[in-house]
Amino acid sequence: MNAWDVANYTLLALGVTALVLGYRRSSRNLMLCAGLLLLASNGVEDFSRGVAEGYANAGARTL
């Protein structure tokens, strides 16, 4: 288990918890936050890997 797995599981747990609490309290804002957390838990690893690869393969030169 690496750091990305821990981040994914943490965001997933926070998202599910916020979703349950938002539903119980009838809080739309909390459920929106839960949806964003669940969305982030699904794509944070791919996004960060893409940024790192793009930065490493950048062919920019100074003028």
Protein backbone atom coordinates (compact mmCIF):
# COMPACT_ATOMS: atom_id res chain seq x y z
CA MET A 1 0.00 0.00 0.00
CA ASN A 2 1.47 3.32 -1.04
CA ALA A 3 0.59 6.93 -0.29
CA TRP A 4 -1.86 7.19 -3.19
CA ASP A 5 -3.87 4.25 -1.89
CA VAL A 6 -4.06 5.88 1.53
CA ALA A 7 -5.21 9.16 -0.05
CA ASN A 8 -7.84 7.38 -2.15
CA TYR A 9 -9.23 5.43 0.81
CA THR A 10 -9.24 8.51 3.03
CA LEU A 11 -11.16 10.58 0.47
CA LEU A 12 -13.55 7.69 -0.10
CA ALA A 13 -14.24 7.30 3.62
CA LEU A 14 -14.74 11.04 4.06
CA GLY A 15 -17.07 11.16 1.06
CA VAL A 16 -19.25 8.29 2.24
CA THR A 17 -19.41 9.71 5.76
CA ALA A 18 -20.36 13.15 4.49
CA LEU A 19 -22.97 11.61 2.20
CA VAL A 20 -24.64 9.75 5.07
CA LEU A 21 -24.55 12.79 7.36
CA GLY A 22 -25.85 15.07 4.63
CA TYR A 23 -28.72 12.74 3.88
CA ARG A 24 -29.66 12.38 7.53
CA ARG A 25 -29.55 16.14 8.15
CA SER A 26 -31.16 16.98 4.77
CA SER A 27 -28.19 19.18 3.99
CA ARG A 28 -27.73 19.71 0.28
CA ASN A 29 -24.41 21.46 0.75
CA LEU A 30 -22.96 18.56 2.71
CA MET A 31 -24.15 16.10 0.08
CA LEU A 32 -22.57 18.27 -2.63
CA CYS A 33 -19.31 18.23 -0.69
CA ALA A 34 -19.59 14.45 -0.40
CA GLY A 35 -20.07 14.12 -4.14
CA LEU A 36 -16.99 16.22 -4.81
CA LEU A 37 -14.96 14.16 -2.36
CA LEU A 38 -16.08 10.94 -4.02
CA LEU A 39 -15.22 12.38 -7.42
CA ALA A 40 -11.78 13.42 -6.17
CA SER A 41 -11.14 10.02 -4.63
CA ASN A 42 -11.62 8.43 -8.03
CA GLY A 43 -9.28 10.68 -10.01
CA VAL A 44 -6.64 12.15 -7.74
CA GLU A 45 -4.00 9.55 -8.55
CA ASP A 46 -4.39 9.77 -12.33
CA PHE A 47 -4.43 13.57 -12.26
CA SER A 48 -1.29 13.86 -10.16
CA ARG A 49 0.52 11.23 -12.23
CA GLY A 50 -0.36 13.12 -15.42
CA VAL A 51 0.89 16.41 -14.01
CA ALA A 52 4.14 14.80 -12.89
CA GLU A 53 4.72 13.15 -16.27
CA GLY A 54 3.92 16.36 -18.13
CA TYR A 55 6.31 18.33 -15.97
CA ALA A 56 9.05 15.74 -16.42
CA ASN A 57 8.61 15.61 -20.21
CA ALA A 58 8.25 19.36 -20.77
CA GLY A 59 10.45 20.54 -23.59
CA ALA A 60 10.36 24.23 -22.71
CA ARG A 61 13.47 26.26 -23.33
CA THR A 62 14.51 29.60 -21.96
CA LEU A 63 14.67 32.47 -24.41
